[in-house]
Amino acid sequence: TQEWSVGRFSAGCQRKKAPRCSDDFLALPGMKSPDMFSSVGGDRSTFEECTSACSRNCSCVAYTFSNLSTGRSGGDVTRCLVWNGELVDIGKIGELGGETLYLRHARMDATTGRRTKRKAMRIVLPVLSSSVLVIICIFLAWLKFKGMFP
């Protein structure tokens, strides 16, 4: 939308397809964590537990293993944050700041792969047939030049 092209992400984003459990996660470093998260596993969860918790929950669209330390906490408070539904107020902060957000994204399915193959064939077949035609013309011209062809 127009808001995204000018860097306003407060309205969130919408998927073209609903997430599926078989989808992969894409790591997006340097992101501002979206609003409306849920904390999973408490203060002692590990990154692997966080990944597993979101992978098992088919409605989980993203997760991050965030350091939520504050001056009052007296140390690191690392938590697994997960999002279900739309991601609201998300944005890129930069590589040095922000969190790595793991976003569930659709795998390439068989129909998409077939379309890619068809598109490649539309390019390869004309190029290949043109090359063969040029080689045949050169061969026939060579035969005529040698006097082997009337």
Protein backbone atom coordinates (compact mmCIF):
# COMPACT_ATOMS: atom_id res chain seq x y z
CA THR A 1 0.00 0.00 0.00
CA GLN A 2 0.97 3.66 -0.12
CA GLU A 3 1.70 3.74 3.62
CA TRP A 4 4.34 1.02 3.25
CA SER A 5 6.09 2.87 0.41
CA VAL A 6 6.61 5.91 2.68
CA GLY A 7 7.71 3.85 5.69
CA ARG A 8 4.51 3.85 7.77
CA PHE A 9 3.85 0.35 9.06
CA SER A 10 1.36 1.07 11.87
CA ALA A 11 -1.58 -0.45 9.98
CA GLY A 12 0.16 -3.82 9.89
CA CYS A 13 0.37 -6.19 6.98
CA GLN A 14 -1.96 -8.83 5.64
CA ARG A 15 -1.09 -12.20 4.20
CA LYS A 16 -2.26 -13.39 0.83
CA LYS A 17 -2.56 -16.94 2.20
CA ALA A 18 -3.28 -18.16 5.71
CA PRO A 19 -0.21 -19.60 7.51
CA ARG A 20 0.16 -23.38 7.60
CA CYS A 21 2.04 -25.56 10.06
CA SER A 22 4.34 -26.77 7.28
CA ASP A 23 5.54 -23.22 6.50
CA ASP A 24 9.14 -22.18 7.17
CA PHE A 25 10.40 -19.25 9.24
CA LEU A 26 12.37 -16.40 7.70
CA ALA A 27 14.85 -14.55 9.97
CA LEU A 28 14.49 -10.76 9.75
CA PRO A 29 17.27 -9.06 11.78
CA GLY A 30 17.04 -5.50 13.07
CA MET A 31 13.25 -5.38 13.42
CA LYS A 32 11.04 -3.44 15.83
CA SER A 33 8.94 -6.03 17.64
CA PRO A 34 5.28 -5.77 16.65
CA ASP A 35 2.61 -4.90 19.20
CA MET A 36 0.28 -7.44 20.84
CA PHE A 37 2.67 -10.31 21.59
CA SER A 38 2.33 -13.22 23.98
CA SER A 39 5.16 -14.41 26.20
CA VAL A 40 5.84 -18.16 26.16
CA GLY A 41 7.93 -20.26 28.52
CA GLY A 42 8.83 -17.66 31.13
CA ASP A 43 12.29 -16.23 31.88
CA ARG A 44 14.17 -19.50 31.53
CA SER A 45 13.15 -20.55 28.03
CA THR A 46 15.80 -21.23 25.39
CA PHE A 47 15.85 -20.20 21.75
CA GLU A 48 15.18 -23.82 20.71
CA GLU A 49 12.14 -24.01 23.02
CA CYS A 50 10.87 -20.74 21.59
CA THR A 51 11.26 -22.00 18.01
CA SER A 52 9.53 -25.24 18.89
CA ALA A 53 6.63 -23.48 20.65
CA CYS A 54 5.87 -21.33 17.61
CA SER A 55 6.39 -24.20 15.14
CA ARG A 56 3.88 -26.40 16.99
CA ASN A 57 1.27 -23.64 17.10
CA CYS A 58 -0.12 -23.37 13.55
CA SER A 59 -1.62 -19.93 14.25
CA CYS A 60 1.76 -18.51 15.32
CA VAL A 61 2.84 -16.12 12.55
CA ALA A 62 6.10 -14.88 14.10
CA TYR A 63 8.36 -15.16 17.13
CA THR A 64 11.46 -13.59 18.59
CA PHE A 65 13.76 -14.52 21.44
CA SER A 66 14.03 -11.06 23.00
CA ASN A 67 16.18 -9.53 25.67
CA LEU A 68 13.71 -7.48 27.72
CA SER A 69 16.21 -6.30 30.33
CA THR A 70 15.47 -3.03 32.07
CA GLY A 71 17.31 -1.07 34.71
CA ARG A 72 14.84 -2.31 37.34
CA SER A 73 15.26 -6.01 36.51
CA GLY A 74 18.88 -6.08 37.63
CA GLY A 75 19.95 -8.33 34.74
CA ASP A 76 18.97 -9.97 31.51
CA VAL A 77 15.38 -11.04 31.10
CA THR A 78 15.20 -13.09 27.93
CA ARG A 79 11.75 -14.13 26.80
CA CYS A 80 10.12 -15.94 23.95
CA LEU A 81 7.60 -13.60 22.33
CA VAL A 82 5.08 -14.97 19.81
CA TRP A 83 2.45 -13.36 17.61
CA ASN A 84 -0.83 -14.80 16.39
CA GLY A 85 -2.85 -13.03 13.71
CA GLU A 86 -1.76 -9.73 12.18
CA LEU A 87 1.56 -8.09 12.93
CA VAL A 88 0.79 -4.51 13.96
CA ASP A 89 3.31 -1.64 14.18
CA ILE A 90 6.26 -3.53 12.75
CA GLY A 91 9.26 -1.92 11.12
CA LYS A 92 12.95 -2.18 10.32
CA ILE A 93 15.16 -0.43 12.87
CA GLY A 94 18.54 -1.42 11.48
CA GLU A 95 21.11 -4.19 11.73
CA LEU A 96 22.64 -2.83 14.96
CA GLY A 97 19.37 -2.32 16.82
CA GLY A 98 16.16 -4.23 17.13
CA GLU A 99 15.43 -7.92 17.38
CA THR A 100 15.61 -10.80 14.96
CA LEU A 101 12.00 -11.55 14.10
CA TYR A 102 11.28 -15.03 12.73
CA LEU A 103 8.34 -14.70 10.35
CA ARG A 104 6.35 -17.71 9.17
CA HIS A 105 6.28 -17.65 5.39
CA ALA A 106 4.81 -20.02 2.83
CA ARG A 107 6.98 -22.66 1.26
CA MET A 108 7.04 -22.82 -2.49
CA ASP A 109 4.37 -25.35 -3.36
CA ALA A 110 4.33 -27.68 -6.35
CA THR A 111 2.07 -25.44 -8.46
CA THR A 112 4.42 -22.47 -8.03
CA GLY A 113 7.36 -24.68 -9.00
CA ARG A 114 5.54 -25.85 -12.14
CA ARG A 115 4.82 -22.27 -13.16
CA THR A 116 8.51 -21.47 -12.81
CA LYS A 117 9.42 -24.44 -15.00
CA ARG A 118 6.89 -23.37 -17.64
CA LYS A 119 8.29 -19.85 -17.62
CA ALA A 120 11.81 -21.22 -18.06
CA MET A 121 10.65 -23.38 -20.96
CA ARG A 122 9.15 -20.31 -22.66
CA ILE A 123 12.61 -18.80 -22.65
CA VAL A 124 14.75 -21.89 -23.31
CA LEU A 125 12.74 -23.39 -26.20
CA PRO A 126 12.85 -20.32 -28.51
CA VAL A 127 16.54 -19.73 -27.79
CA LEU A 128 17.39 -23.38 -28.36
CA SER A 129 15.33 -23.69 -31.55
CA SER A 130 16.80 -20.44 -32.93
CA SER A 131 20.31 -21.71 -32.22
CA VAL A 132 19.61 -25.01 -33.99
CA LEU A 133 18.16 -23.13 -36.98
CA VAL A 134 21.24 -20.89 -37.22
CA ILE A 135 23.56 -23.94 -37.05
CA ILE A 136 21.59 -25.68 -39.85
CA CYS A 137 21.77 -22.53 -42.03
CA ILE A 138 25.53 -22.25 -41.47
CA PHE A 139 25.98 -25.95 -42.30
CA LEU A 140 23.92 -25.63 -45.52
CA ALA A 141 25.90 -22.52 -46.54
CA TRP A 142 29.15 -24.40 -45.91
CA LEU A 143 27.94 -27.33 -48.06
CA LYS A 144 26.98 -24.94 -50.89
CA PHE A 145 30.36 -23.19 -50.64
CA LYS A 146 32.19 -26.56 -50.87
CA GLY A 147 30.08 -27.43 -53.91
CA MET A 148 28.43 -30.43 -52.28
CA PHE A 149 24.99 -28.87 -52.43
CA PRO A 150 23.40 -27.66 -55.74
